[in-house]
Amino acid sequence: MLLYKVILHDRKVYILLITIYSMTKQSNTKINCPNCKAENIKKDGLRITENRGKIQRFKCRECSKRFVLDDGFFRMRNSPLKITQSVDLFYRGASTRGVQGHLAMFFPHNASNVSVYNWVIKYSKMISKFTNKLKLRVGQEAQTDEIEYHRRKSDKAKLGAEKNFFIDSIDTETRFMISAEYMKTRSCRDIKAVMNRIKDRTGEQVKVMTTDGWNAYTNTIKKVFGYNNKLGKYNVFHNRNVCIKDEGNFNHPIERLHNNIRARTKTMRGFHGSISSANAILKGFEVYYNFINKQQAIKCCPYELATDLKLTQNNKWLELINLSNLLK
């Protein structure tokens, strides 16, 4: 009580409190009405949910529309903590049924393995749309390679399997996975899509592109990165590293990355279904590799060296989802 009286009699502190209050009030006016896009918004009670607790409800003073903010979990029947925990467990090696069994031990309202799968697909796509727009600060060498996968066309065995490829590229200095796509083939067109994203995200930083002996890389790298007429050479030097089994020559950083990917995907017994779902799962692994999991070689997450993004929360999945939703 004494402290309260001191604050009231101190004019400078009083002005500071009024300033903070006005800033808080202004932050509420930045919310736009989803119906009429007006900014004249007020708080209008709480929405009581069964599994997500109390959610702040707002009302538009212009059109009287009542609404809640979309924080990335709009109309989800489970809490953000439960959803992000499930996604993290999945990329740390648990199956969807394994995640379901884990949730049954700690949450009264359990979720099915199909729900876990849907969360992985949904939020992998959402976060990757945001992270793919980040400009990178990388070294001069990037390594590109592919992993062969046999994707089942359906759960029915009679439809057979199809050979696909996961094409990815990594920066050797920051260990950041620059670009990655699950492709039906590894043709020049498919490799070009990966190379175009590398160029868009890194600009002119990459000077050396190291690949294996696959012939499609040579012309594609030249076409994407171009030729410098003043210097009389290509803008990016293609370091074509042909692997010889007896000598053991291979690209260490990207092969180490592939070991991590195989360690996760080998327990899935192969992909099945559409190309887009397989791509979404591996997009989520790209997010996990770059932003969630600390690398032993650099003793931090790759994004800390390659981007200006600052993640302050322990639950980085939740923070990335919130950022993705705000900037979509």
C-alpha atoms as a PDB file:
ATOM      1  CA  MET A   1       0.000   0.000   0.000  1.00  0.00           C
ATOM      2  CA  LEU A   2       2.869   2.338   0.845  1.00  0.00           C
ATOM      3  CA  LEU A   3       4.541   1.592  -2.471  1.00  0.00           C
ATOM      4  CA  TYR A   4       1.274   2.359  -4.282  1.00  0.00           C
ATOM      5  CA  LYS A   5       1.090   5.816  -2.582  1.00  0.00           C
ATOM      6  CA  VAL A   6       4.702   6.560  -3.494  1.00  0.00           C
ATOM      7  CA  ILE A   7       3.980   5.757  -7.155  1.00  0.00           C
ATOM      8  CA  LEU A   8       0.923   8.000  -7.185  1.00  0.00           C
ATOM      9  CA  HIS A   9       2.900  10.953  -5.767  1.00  0.00           C
ATOM     10  CA  ASP A  10       5.865  10.511  -8.091  1.00  0.00           C
ATOM     11  CA  ARG A  11       4.925  12.406 -11.259  1.00  0.00           C
ATOM     12  CA  LYS A  12       7.601  10.829 -13.445  1.00  0.00           C
ATOM     13  CA  VAL A  13       6.561   7.296 -12.515  1.00  0.00           C
ATOM     14  CA  TYR A  14       2.919   8.246 -13.004  1.00  0.00           C
ATOM     15  CA  ILE A  15       3.630   9.529 -16.520  1.00  0.00           C
ATOM     16  CA  LEU A  16       5.542   6.310 -17.228  1.00  0.00           C
ATOM     17  CA  LEU A  17       2.555   4.224 -16.121  1.00  0.00           C
ATOM     18  CA  ILE A  18       0.235   6.248 -18.361  1.00  0.00           C
ATOM     19  CA  THR A  19       2.630   5.726 -21.283  1.00  0.00           C
ATOM     20  CA  ILE A  20       2.738   1.981 -20.721  1.00  0.00           C
ATOM     21  CA  TYR A  21      -1.062   1.902 -20.489  1.00  0.00           C
ATOM     22  CA  SER A  22      -1.455   3.837 -23.728  1.00  0.00           C
ATOM     23  CA  MET A  23       1.007   1.546 -25.500  1.00  0.00           C
ATOM     24  CA  THR A  24      -0.940  -1.468 -24.293  1.00  0.00           C
ATOM     25  CA  LYS A  25      -4.159   0.101 -25.511  1.00  0.00           C
ATOM     26  CA  GLN A  26      -2.619   0.847 -28.888  1.00  0.00           C
ATOM     27  CA  SER A  27      -1.463  -2.755 -29.224  1.00  0.00           C
ATOM     28  CA  ASN A  28      -5.097  -3.848 -28.997  1.00  0.00           C
ATOM     29  CA  THR A  29      -6.114  -1.485 -31.815  1.00  0.00           C
ATOM     30  CA  LYS A  30      -3.685  -3.229 -34.186  1.00  0.00           C
ATOM     31  CA  ILE A  31      -6.016  -6.204 -34.287  1.00  0.00           C
ATOM     32  CA  ASN A  32      -8.137  -6.155 -37.418  1.00  0.00           C
ATOM     33  CA  CYS A  33     -11.691  -7.396 -37.578  1.00  0.00           C
ATOM     34  CA  PRO A  34     -11.872 -10.485 -39.850  1.00  0.00           C
ATOM     35  CA  ASN A  35     -15.262  -9.300 -41.154  1.00  0.00           C
ATOM     36  CA  CYS A  36     -14.857  -5.585 -41.955  1.00  0.00           C
ATOM     37  CA  LYS A  37     -11.062  -5.164 -41.422  1.00  0.00           C
ATOM     38  CA  ALA A  38     -11.681  -2.333 -38.926  1.00  0.00           C
ATOM     39  CA  GLU A  39      -9.183  -1.655 -36.120  1.00  0.00           C
ATOM     40  CA  ASN A  40     -11.717  -0.430 -33.563  1.00  0.00           C
ATOM     41  CA  ILE A  41     -11.580  -3.575 -31.416  1.00  0.00           C
ATOM     42  CA  LYS A  42     -12.320  -4.268 -27.764  1.00  0.00           C
ATOM     43  CA  LYS A  43     -12.008  -7.294 -25.501  1.00  0.00           C
ATOM     44  CA  ASP A  44     -15.284  -9.133 -25.027  1.00  0.00           C
ATOM     45  CA  GLY A  45     -14.974 -11.852 -22.426  1.00  0.00           C
ATOM     46  CA  LEU A  46     -13.394 -15.284 -22.622  1.00  0.00           C
ATOM     47  CA  ARG A  47     -14.180 -18.342 -24.671  1.00  0.00           C
ATOM     48  CA  ILE A  48     -14.164 -21.472 -22.499  1.00  0.00           C
ATOM     49  CA  THR A  49     -12.796 -24.547 -24.293  1.00  0.00           C
ATOM     50  CA  GLU A  50     -12.612 -28.116 -23.061  1.00  0.00           C
ATOM     51  CA  ASN A  51      -8.941 -28.817 -23.814  1.00  0.00           C
ATOM     52  CA  ARG A  52      -7.369 -25.417 -24.539  1.00  0.00           C
ATOM     53  CA  GLY A  53      -8.572 -23.518 -21.489  1.00  0.00           C
ATOM     54  CA  LYS A  54      -9.747 -19.903 -21.655  1.00  0.00           C
ATOM     55  CA  ILE A  55      -9.221 -17.954 -24.885  1.00  0.00           C
ATOM     56  CA  GLN A  56      -9.631 -14.183 -25.151  1.00  0.00           C
ATOM     57  CA  ARG A  57     -12.585 -13.101 -27.277  1.00  0.00           C
ATOM     58  CA  PHE A  58     -12.744  -9.749 -29.088  1.00  0.00           C
ATOM     59  CA  LYS A  59     -15.579  -7.653 -30.518  1.00  0.00           C
ATOM     60  CA  CYS A  60     -15.544  -5.168 -33.374  1.00  0.00           C
ATOM     61  CA  ARG A  61     -17.134  -1.832 -32.468  1.00  0.00           C
ATOM     62  CA  GLU A  62     -17.944  -1.189 -36.130  1.00  0.00           C
ATOM     63  CA  CYS A  63     -19.816  -4.315 -37.219  1.00  0.00           C
ATOM     64  CA  SER A  64     -20.299  -6.044 -33.829  1.00  0.00           C
ATOM     65  CA  LYS A  65     -18.459  -9.139 -35.047  1.00  0.00           C
ATOM     66  CA  ARG A  66     -17.189 -11.322 -32.183  1.00  0.00           C
ATOM     67  CA  PHE A  67     -14.052 -13.349 -32.852  1.00  0.00           C
ATOM     68  CA  VAL A  68     -10.896 -14.894 -31.408  1.00  0.00           C
ATOM     69  CA  LEU A  69      -7.391 -14.432 -32.785  1.00  0.00           C
ATOM     70  CA  ASP A  70      -5.881 -17.114 -34.972  1.00  0.00           C
ATOM     71  CA  ASP A  71      -2.621 -18.051 -33.222  1.00  0.00           C
ATOM     72  CA  GLY A  72      -1.897 -20.967 -35.522  1.00  0.00           C
ATOM     73  CA  PHE A  73      -4.124 -23.344 -33.546  1.00  0.00           C
ATOM     74  CA  PHE A  74      -7.499 -21.925 -34.551  1.00  0.00           C
ATOM     75  CA  ARG A  75     -10.304 -24.491 -34.148  1.00  0.00           C
ATOM     76  CA  MET A  76      -7.852 -27.127 -32.923  1.00  0.00           C
ATOM     77  CA  ARG A  77      -9.344 -29.376 -30.252  1.00  0.00           C
ATOM     78  CA  ASN A  78      -6.041 -29.951 -28.467  1.00  0.00           C
ATOM     79  CA  SER A  79      -3.688 -27.593 -26.664  1.00  0.00           C
ATOM     80  CA  PRO A  80      -0.665 -26.095 -28.436  1.00  0.00           C
ATOM     81  CA  LEU A  81       1.609 -27.783 -25.871  1.00  0.00           C
ATOM     82  CA  LYS A  82       0.193 -31.211 -26.701  1.00  0.00           C
ATOM     83  CA  ILE A  83       0.387 -30.658 -30.463  1.00  0.00           C
ATOM     84  CA  THR A  84       3.956 -29.331 -30.499  1.00  0.00           C
ATOM     85  CA  GLN A  85       5.061 -32.075 -28.118  1.00  0.00           C
ATOM     86  CA  SER A  86       3.647 -34.658 -30.510  1.00  0.00           C
ATOM     87  CA  VAL A  87       5.413 -33.139 -33.532  1.00  0.00           C
ATOM     88  CA  ASP A  88       8.712 -33.017 -31.643  1.00  0.00           C
ATOM     89  CA  LEU A  89       8.402 -36.647 -30.507  1.00  0.00           C
ATOM     90  CA  PHE A  90       7.701 -37.708 -34.084  1.00  0.00           C
ATOM     91  CA  TYR A  91      10.889 -36.131 -35.419  1.00  0.00           C
ATOM     92  CA  ARG A  92      12.926 -37.496 -32.532  1.00  0.00           C
ATOM     93  CA  GLY A  93      12.091 -41.025 -33.668  1.00  0.00           C
ATOM     94  CA  ALA A  94       8.686 -42.020 -32.281  1.00  0.00           C
ATOM     95  CA  SER A  95       6.034 -43.400 -34.610  1.00  0.00           C
ATOM     96  CA  THR A  96       2.553 -41.886 -34.733  1.00  0.00           C
ATOM     97  CA  ARG A  97       1.240 -44.797 -32.653  1.00  0.00           C
ATOM     98  CA  GLY A  98       4.158 -44.391 -30.272  1.00  0.00           C
ATOM     99  CA  VAL A  99       3.254 -40.723 -29.832  1.00  0.00           C
ATOM    100  CA  GLN A 100      -0.355 -41.736 -29.248  1.00  0.00           C
ATOM    101  CA  GLY A 101       0.721 -44.099 -26.469  1.00  0.00           C
ATOM    102  CA  HIS A 102       2.848 -41.358 -24.899  1.00  0.00           C
ATOM    103  CA  LEU A 103      -0.054 -38.892 -24.920  1.00  0.00           C
ATOM    104  CA  ALA A 104      -2.338 -41.437 -23.258  1.00  0.00           C
ATOM    105  CA  MET A 105      -0.033 -41.472 -20.217  1.00  0.00           C
ATOM    106  CA  PHE A 106       0.059 -37.712 -19.625  1.00  0.00           C
ATOM    107  CA  PHE A 107      -3.122 -36.229 -21.131  1.00  0.00           C
ATOM    108  CA  PRO A 108      -6.683 -37.222 -20.143  1.00  0.00           C
ATOM    109  CA  HIS A 109      -8.028 -36.450 -23.612  1.00  0.00           C
ATOM    110  CA  ASN A 110      -6.026 -38.691 -25.922  1.00  0.00           C
ATOM    111  CA  ALA A 111      -5.516 -38.197 -29.669  1.00  0.00           C
ATOM    112  CA  SER A 112      -5.448 -40.863 -32.359  1.00  0.00           C
ATOM    113  CA  ASN A 113      -2.404 -41.707 -34.438  1.00  0.00           C
ATOM    114  CA  VAL A 114      -4.187 -40.181 -37.452  1.00  0.00           C
ATOM    115  CA  SER A 115      -4.451 -36.863 -35.583  1.00  0.00           C
ATOM    116  CA  VAL A 116      -0.725 -36.961 -34.836  1.00  0.00           C
ATOM    117  CA  TYR A 117       0.003 -37.550 -38.528  1.00  0.00           C
ATOM    118  CA  ASN A 118      -2.264 -34.655 -39.524  1.00  0.00           C
ATOM    119  CA  TRP A 119      -0.485 -32.346 -37.041  1.00  0.00           C
ATOM    120  CA  VAL A 120       2.903 -33.287 -38.508  1.00  0.00           C
ATOM    121  CA  ILE A 121       1.756 -32.585 -42.077  1.00  0.00           C
ATOM    122  CA  LYS A 122      -0.084 -29.345 -41.237  1.00  0.00           C
ATOM    123  CA  TYR A 123       2.599 -27.657 -39.165  1.00  0.00           C
ATOM    124  CA  SER A 124       5.505 -28.882 -41.261  1.00  0.00           C
ATOM    125  CA  LYS A 125       3.966 -27.123 -44.260  1.00  0.00           C
ATOM    126  CA  MET A 126       3.110 -24.011 -42.227  1.00  0.00           C
ATOM    127  CA  ILE A 127       6.571 -23.542 -40.723  1.00  0.00           C
ATOM    128  CA  SER A 128       8.464 -24.377 -43.926  1.00  0.00           C
ATOM    129  CA  LYS A 129       6.587 -21.641 -45.811  1.00  0.00           C
ATOM    130  CA  PHE A 130       7.963 -19.174 -43.271  1.00  0.00           C
ATOM    131  CA  THR A 131      11.506 -20.566 -42.998  1.00  0.00           C
ATOM    132  CA  ASN A 132      11.941 -20.847 -46.787  1.00  0.00           C
ATOM    133  CA  LYS A 133      11.647 -17.047 -47.010  1.00  0.00           C
ATOM    134  CA  LEU A 134      14.538 -16.402 -44.621  1.00  0.00           C
ATOM    135  CA  LYS A 135      17.665 -14.964 -46.201  1.00  0.00           C
ATOM    136  CA  LEU A 136      20.782 -16.881 -45.261  1.00  0.00           C
ATOM    137  CA  ARG A 137      24.332 -16.016 -44.278  1.00  0.00           C
ATOM    138  CA  VAL A 138      26.421 -18.963 -45.441  1.00  0.00           C
ATOM    139  CA  GLY A 139      29.935 -19.902 -46.502  1.00  0.00           C
ATOM    140  CA  GLN A 140      31.376 -20.245 -49.984  1.00  0.00           C
ATOM    141  CA  GLU A 141      30.799 -23.985 -50.416  1.00  0.00           C
ATOM    142  CA  ALA A 142      27.506 -25.851 -50.608  1.00  0.00           C
ATOM    143  CA  GLN A 143      27.117 -29.588 -51.058  1.00  0.00           C
ATOM    144  CA  THR A 144      24.213 -31.183 -52.925  1.00  0.00           C
ATOM    145  CA  ASP A 145      23.246 -34.830 -53.052  1.00  0.00           C
ATOM    146  CA  GLU A 146      20.210 -37.109 -53.160  1.00  0.00           C
ATOM    147  CA  ILE A 147      18.779 -40.066 -51.238  1.00  0.00           C
ATOM    148  CA  GLU A 148      16.895 -42.829 -53.000  1.00  0.00           C
ATOM    149  CA  TYR A 149      13.544 -43.872 -51.539  1.00  0.00           C
ATOM    150  CA  HIS A 150      11.033 -46.511 -52.590  1.00  0.00           C
ATOM    151  CA  ARG A 151       7.573 -45.060 -52.045  1.00  0.00           C
ATOM    152  CA  ARG A 152       4.608 -47.400 -51.971  1.00  0.00           C
ATOM    153  CA  LYS A 153       1.815 -46.097 -54.173  1.00  0.00           C
ATOM    154  CA  SER A 154      -0.790 -47.374 -51.732  1.00  0.00           C
ATOM    155  CA  ASP A 155      -1.296 -49.610 -48.714  1.00  0.00           C
ATOM    156  CA  LYS A 156      -2.340 -52.285 -51.197  1.00  0.00           C
ATOM    157  CA  ALA A 157       0.720 -54.290 -52.154  1.00  0.00           C
ATOM    158  CA  LYS A 158      -0.528 -55.060 -55.678  1.00  0.00           C
ATOM    159  CA  LEU A 159      -0.023 -51.449 -56.750  1.00  0.00           C
ATOM    160  CA  GLY A 160       3.716 -51.787 -56.154  1.00  0.00           C
ATOM    161  CA  ALA A 161       6.392 -49.238 -55.258  1.00  0.00           C
ATOM    162  CA  GLU A 162       7.974 -46.335 -57.086  1.00  0.00           C
ATOM    163  CA  LYS A 163      11.563 -45.114 -56.894  1.00  0.00           C
ATOM    164  CA  ASN A 164      11.822 -41.476 -55.761  1.00  0.00           C
ATOM    165  CA  PHE A 165      14.596 -39.156 -54.598  1.00  0.00           C
ATOM    166  CA  PHE A 166      15.112 -36.660 -51.805  1.00  0.00           C
ATOM    167  CA  ILE A 167      17.406 -33.952 -53.205  1.00  0.00           C
ATOM    168  CA  ASP A 168      18.986 -31.620 -50.650  1.00  0.00           C
ATOM    169  CA  SER A 169      21.808 -29.141 -50.193  1.00  0.00           C
ATOM    170  CA  ILE A 170      23.798 -28.137 -47.100  1.00  0.00           C
ATOM    171  CA  ASP A 171      26.203 -25.312 -46.278  1.00  0.00           C
ATOM    172  CA  THR A 172      29.501 -26.766 -45.083  1.00  0.00           C
ATOM    173  CA  GLU A 173      30.264 -23.857 -42.737  1.00  0.00           C
ATOM    174  CA  THR A 174      27.006 -23.404 -40.803  1.00  0.00           C
ATOM    175  CA  ARG A 175      25.591 -26.936 -41.455  1.00  0.00           C
ATOM    176  CA  PHE A 176      22.335 -25.269 -42.520  1.00  0.00           C
ATOM    177  CA  MET A 177      20.161 -27.293 -44.915  1.00  0.00           C
ATOM    178  CA  ILE A 178      19.637 -24.660 -47.602  1.00  0.00           C
ATOM    179  CA  SER A 179      17.197 -26.406 -49.909  1.00  0.00           C
ATOM    180  CA  ALA A 180      15.491 -29.793 -49.986  1.00  0.00           C
ATOM    181  CA  GLU A 181      12.696 -31.394 -51.990  1.00  0.00           C
ATOM    182  CA  TYR A 182      11.228 -34.873 -52.255  1.00  0.00           C
ATOM    183  CA  MET A 183      11.047 -35.507 -56.001  1.00  0.00           C
ATOM    184  CA  LYS A 184       9.579 -38.193 -58.212  1.00  0.00           C
ATOM    185  CA  THR A 185      12.830 -38.344 -60.205  1.00  0.00           C
ATOM    186  CA  ARG A 186      16.265 -36.720 -60.157  1.00  0.00           C
ATOM    187  CA  SER A 187      16.124 -35.182 -63.613  1.00  0.00           C
ATOM    188  CA  CYS A 188      17.604 -31.825 -64.597  1.00  0.00           C
ATOM    189  CA  ARG A 189      14.253 -30.152 -63.990  1.00  0.00           C
ATOM    190  CA  ASP A 190      14.040 -31.508 -60.435  1.00  0.00           C
ATOM    191  CA  ILE A 191      17.615 -30.558 -59.604  1.00  0.00           C
ATOM    192  CA  LYS A 192      17.057 -27.108 -61.108  1.00  0.00           C
ATOM    193  CA  ALA A 193      14.206 -26.449 -58.640  1.00  0.00           C
ATOM    194  CA  VAL A 194      16.574 -27.158 -55.739  1.00  0.00           C
ATOM    195  CA  MET A 195      19.350 -25.036 -57.249  1.00  0.00           C
ATOM    196  CA  ASN A 196      17.015 -22.096 -57.876  1.00  0.00           C
ATOM    197  CA  ARG A 197      16.066 -22.008 -54.206  1.00  0.00           C
ATOM    198  CA  ILE A 198      19.741 -22.102 -53.216  1.00  0.00           C
ATOM    199  CA  LYS A 199      20.405 -19.091 -55.433  1.00  0.00           C
ATOM    200  CA  ASP A 200      17.350 -17.193 -54.149  1.00  0.00           C
ATOM    201  CA  ARG A 201      18.279 -17.712 -50.501  1.00  0.00           C
ATOM    202  CA  THR A 202      22.044 -17.194 -50.684  1.00  0.00           C
ATOM    203  CA  GLY A 203      22.488 -14.680 -53.526  1.00  0.00           C
ATOM    204  CA  GLU A 204      26.115 -14.624 -54.640  1.00  0.00           C
ATOM    205  CA  GLN A 205      27.600 -16.129 -51.468  1.00  0.00           C
ATOM    206  CA  VAL A 206      28.076 -19.659 -52.831  1.00  0.00           C
ATOM    207  CA  LYS A 207      31.199 -19.972 -54.988  1.00  0.00           C
ATOM    208  CA  VAL A 208      31.710 -23.745 -54.975  1.00  0.00           C
ATOM    209  CA  MET A 209      29.026 -26.405 -55.473  1.00  0.00           C
ATOM    210  CA  THR A 210      30.185 -29.889 -54.531  1.00  0.00           C
ATOM    211  CA  THR A 211      28.204 -32.867 -55.861  1.00  0.00           C
ATOM    212  CA  ASP A 212      28.701 -36.508 -56.727  1.00  0.00           C
ATOM    213  CA  GLY A 213      29.200 -37.814 -60.258  1.00  0.00           C
ATOM    214  CA  TRP A 214      25.558 -37.619 -61.406  1.00  0.00           C
ATOM    215  CA  ASN A 215      25.621 -36.035 -64.882  1.00  0.00           C
ATOM    216  CA  ALA A 216      22.484 -33.922 -64.407  1.00  0.00           C
ATOM    217  CA  TYR A 217      24.286 -31.615 -61.969  1.00  0.00           C
ATOM    218  CA  THR A 218      26.872 -30.253 -64.405  1.00  0.00           C
ATOM    219  CA  ASN A 219      24.702 -28.351 -66.892  1.00  0.00           C
ATOM    220  CA  THR A 220      22.068 -27.456 -64.290  1.00  0.00           C
ATOM    221  CA  ILE A 221      24.555 -25.651 -62.033  1.00  0.00           C
ATOM    222  CA  LYS A 222      25.919 -23.709 -65.007  1.00  0.00           C
ATOM    223  CA  LYS A 223      22.451 -22.656 -66.163  1.00  0.00           C
ATOM    224  CA  VAL A 224      21.182 -21.605 -62.737  1.00  0.00           C
ATOM    225  CA  PHE A 225      24.204 -19.663 -61.474  1.00  0.00           C
ATOM    226  CA  GLY A 226      25.287 -18.291 -64.863  1.00  0.00           C
ATOM    227  CA  TYR A 227      28.484 -17.219 -66.575  1.00  0.00           C
ATOM    228  CA  ASN A 228      30.592 -14.119 -65.825  1.00  0.00           C
ATOM    229  CA  ASN A 229      31.723 -12.500 -69.087  1.00  0.00           C
ATOM    230  CA  LYS A 230      34.142 -10.096 -67.364  1.00  0.00           C
ATOM    231  CA  LEU A 231      36.017 -12.843 -65.537  1.00  0.00           C
ATOM    232  CA  GLY A 232      35.580 -15.380 -68.311  1.00  0.00           C
ATOM    233  CA  LYS A 233      34.333 -18.169 -66.039  1.00  0.00           C
ATOM    234  CA  TYR A 234      31.191 -19.523 -64.416  1.00  0.00           C
ATOM    235  CA  ASN A 235      29.958 -17.809 -61.254  1.00  0.00           C
ATOM    236  CA  VAL A 236      30.030 -21.086 -59.322  1.00  0.00           C
ATOM    237  CA  PHE A 237      32.743 -23.705 -59.614  1.00  0.00           C
ATOM    238  CA  HIS A 238      31.329 -27.237 -59.882  1.00  0.00           C
ATOM    239  CA  ASN A 239      33.399 -29.556 -57.688  1.00  0.00           C
ATOM    240  CA  ARG A 240      32.391 -32.934 -59.097  1.00  0.00           C
ATOM    241  CA  ASN A 241      33.457 -35.490 -56.501  1.00  0.00           C
ATOM    242  CA  VAL A 242      33.162 -38.998 -57.938  1.00  0.00           C
ATOM    243  CA  CYS A 243      32.994 -41.522 -55.117  1.00  0.00           C
ATOM    244  CA  ILE A 244      35.400 -44.466 -55.370  1.00  0.00           C
ATOM    245  CA  LYS A 245      34.461 -47.264 -53.016  1.00  0.00           C
ATOM    246  CA  ASP A 246      38.008 -48.471 -52.295  1.00  0.00           C
ATOM    247  CA  GLU A 247      39.349 -44.965 -51.619  1.00  0.00           C
ATOM    248  CA  GLY A 248      36.362 -43.890 -49.516  1.00  0.00           C
ATOM    249  CA  ASN A 249      36.109 -40.391 -50.998  1.00  0.00           C
ATOM    250  CA  PHE A 250      32.779 -38.721 -50.248  1.00  0.00           C
ATOM    251  CA  ASN A 251      31.328 -35.415 -49.081  1.00  0.00           C
ATOM    252  CA  HIS A 252      31.412 -35.614 -45.291  1.00  0.00           C
ATOM    253  CA  PRO A 253      28.921 -32.891 -44.160  1.00  0.00           C
ATOM    254  CA  ILE A 254      26.054 -33.896 -46.420  1.00  0.00           C
ATOM    255  CA  GLU A 255      26.658 -37.616 -45.914  1.00  0.00           C
ATOM    256  CA  ARG A 256      26.485 -37.013 -42.164  1.00  0.00           C
ATOM    257  CA  LEU A 257      23.176 -35.242 -42.711  1.00  0.00           C
ATOM    258  CA  HIS A 258      21.924 -38.173 -44.769  1.00  0.00           C
ATOM    259  CA  ASN A 259      22.795 -40.547 -41.952  1.00  0.00           C
ATOM    260  CA  ASN A 260      20.522 -38.504 -39.660  1.00  0.00           C
ATOM    261  CA  ILE A 261      17.704 -38.579 -42.225  1.00  0.00           C
ATOM    262  CA  ARG A 262      18.044 -42.320 -42.785  1.00  0.00           C
ATOM    263  CA  ALA A 263      18.080 -42.953 -39.046  1.00  0.00           C
ATOM    264  CA  ARG A 264      14.638 -41.366 -38.838  1.00  0.00           C
ATOM    265  CA  THR A 265      13.058 -42.634 -42.054  1.00  0.00           C
ATOM    266  CA  LYS A 266      14.251 -46.254 -41.925  1.00  0.00           C
ATOM    267  CA  THR A 267      11.805 -46.955 -39.070  1.00  0.00           C
ATOM    268  CA  MET A 268       8.896 -45.757 -41.230  1.00  0.00           C
ATOM    269  CA  ARG A 269       9.210 -48.832 -43.496  1.00  0.00           C
ATOM    270  CA  GLY A 270       9.204 -46.539 -46.502  1.00  0.00           C
ATOM    271  CA  PHE A 271       6.852 -43.771 -47.558  1.00  0.00           C
ATOM    272  CA  HIS A 272       3.435 -44.524 -48.969  1.00  0.00           C
ATOM    273  CA  GLY A 273       0.726 -42.397 -50.523  1.00  0.00           C
ATOM    274  CA  SER A 274       1.263 -39.108 -52.319  1.00  0.00           C
ATOM    275  CA  ILE A 275       4.467 -37.262 -53.138  1.00  0.00           C
ATOM    276  CA  SER A 276       3.189 -34.204 -51.262  1.00  0.00           C
ATOM    277  CA  SER A 277       2.801 -36.049 -47.945  1.00  0.00           C
ATOM    278  CA  ALA A 278       6.300 -37.517 -48.182  1.00  0.00           C
ATOM    279  CA  ASN A 279       7.648 -34.062 -49.037  1.00  0.00           C
ATOM    280  CA  ALA A 280       5.779 -32.510 -46.081  1.00  0.00           C
ATOM    281  CA  ILE A 281       7.245 -35.040 -43.634  1.00  0.00           C
ATOM    282  CA  LEU A 282      10.773 -34.326 -44.840  1.00  0.00           C
ATOM    283  CA  LYS A 283      10.082 -30.583 -44.805  1.00  0.00           C
ATOM    284  CA  GLY A 284       9.319 -31.004 -41.119  1.00  0.00           C
ATOM    285  CA  PHE A 285      12.612 -32.840 -40.664  1.00  0.00           C
ATOM    286  CA  GLU A 286      14.343 -29.911 -42.381  1.00  0.00           C
ATOM    287  CA  VAL A 287      12.787 -27.584 -39.780  1.00  0.00           C
ATOM    288  CA  TYR A 288      13.818 -29.956 -36.987  1.00  0.00           C
ATOM    289  CA  TYR A 289      17.387 -30.170 -38.292  1.00  0.00           C
ATOM    290  CA  ASN A 290      17.860 -26.426 -38.845  1.00  0.00           C
ATOM    291  CA  PHE A 291      15.952 -24.896 -35.943  1.00  0.00           C
ATOM    292  CA  ILE A 292      15.329 -27.473 -33.194  1.00  0.00           C
ATOM    293  CA  ASN A 293      18.217 -29.920 -32.863  1.00  0.00           C
ATOM    294  CA  LYS A 294      21.691 -28.757 -31.809  1.00  0.00           C
ATOM    295  CA  GLN A 295      24.525 -30.020 -34.015  1.00  0.00           C
ATOM    296  CA  GLN A 296      27.607 -31.501 -32.362  1.00  0.00           C
ATOM    297  CA  ALA A 297      29.997 -30.057 -34.956  1.00  0.00           C
ATOM    298  CA  ILE A 298      28.957 -26.422 -34.341  1.00  0.00           C
ATOM    299  CA  LYS A 299      27.504 -26.850 -30.796  1.00  0.00           C
ATOM    300  CA  CYS A 300      24.336 -24.923 -31.651  1.00  0.00           C
ATOM    301  CA  CYS A 301      21.415 -24.994 -34.071  1.00  0.00           C
ATOM    302  CA  PRO A 302      22.358 -24.155 -37.685  1.00  0.00           C
ATOM    303  CA  TYR A 303      19.896 -21.251 -37.836  1.00  0.00           C
ATOM    304  CA  GLU A 304      21.866 -19.401 -35.153  1.00  0.00           C
ATOM    305  CA  LEU A 305      24.830 -19.091 -37.529  1.00  0.00           C
ATOM    306  CA  ALA A 306      23.005 -18.812 -40.847  1.00  0.00           C
ATOM    307  CA  THR A 307      20.115 -16.422 -40.061  1.00  0.00           C
ATOM    308  CA  ASP A 308      19.238 -13.357 -37.991  1.00  0.00           C
ATOM    309  CA  LEU A 309      16.235 -15.131 -36.469  1.00  0.00           C
ATOM    310  CA  LYS A 310      16.129 -15.092 -32.666  1.00  0.00           C
ATOM    311  CA  LEU A 311      14.164 -17.842 -30.934  1.00  0.00           C
ATOM    312  CA  THR A 312      13.916 -17.240 -27.187  1.00  0.00           C
ATOM    313  CA  GLN A 313      11.445 -19.884 -26.027  1.00  0.00           C
ATOM    314  CA  ASN A 314      12.344 -23.419 -25.016  1.00  0.00           C
ATOM    315  CA  ASN A 315       9.447 -24.667 -27.136  1.00  0.00           C
ATOM    316  CA  LYS A 316      10.820 -23.613 -30.510  1.00  0.00           C
ATOM    317  CA  TRP A 317       8.068 -25.470 -32.378  1.00  0.00           C
ATOM    318  CA  LEU A 318       5.463 -23.243 -30.737  1.00  0.00           C
ATOM    319  CA  GLU A 319       7.457 -20.072 -31.412  1.00  0.00           C
ATOM    320  CA  LEU A 320       7.965 -20.985 -35.077  1.00  0.00           C
ATOM    321  CA  ILE A 321       4.249 -21.707 -35.493  1.00  0.00           C
ATOM    322  CA  ASN A 322       3.354 -18.330 -33.995  1.00  0.00           C
ATOM    323  CA  LEU A 323       5.833 -16.535 -36.273  1.00  0.00           C
ATOM    324  CA  SER A 324       4.588 -18.446 -39.302  1.00  0.00           C
ATOM    325  CA  ASN A 325       1.003 -17.523 -38.512  1.00  0.00           C
ATOM    326  CA  LEU A 326       1.785 -13.823 -37.989  1.00  0.00           C
ATOM    327  CA  LEU A 327       3.723 -13.477 -41.244  1.00  0.00           C
ATOM    328  CA  LYS A 328       1.578 -15.634 -43.504  1.00  0.00           C
END
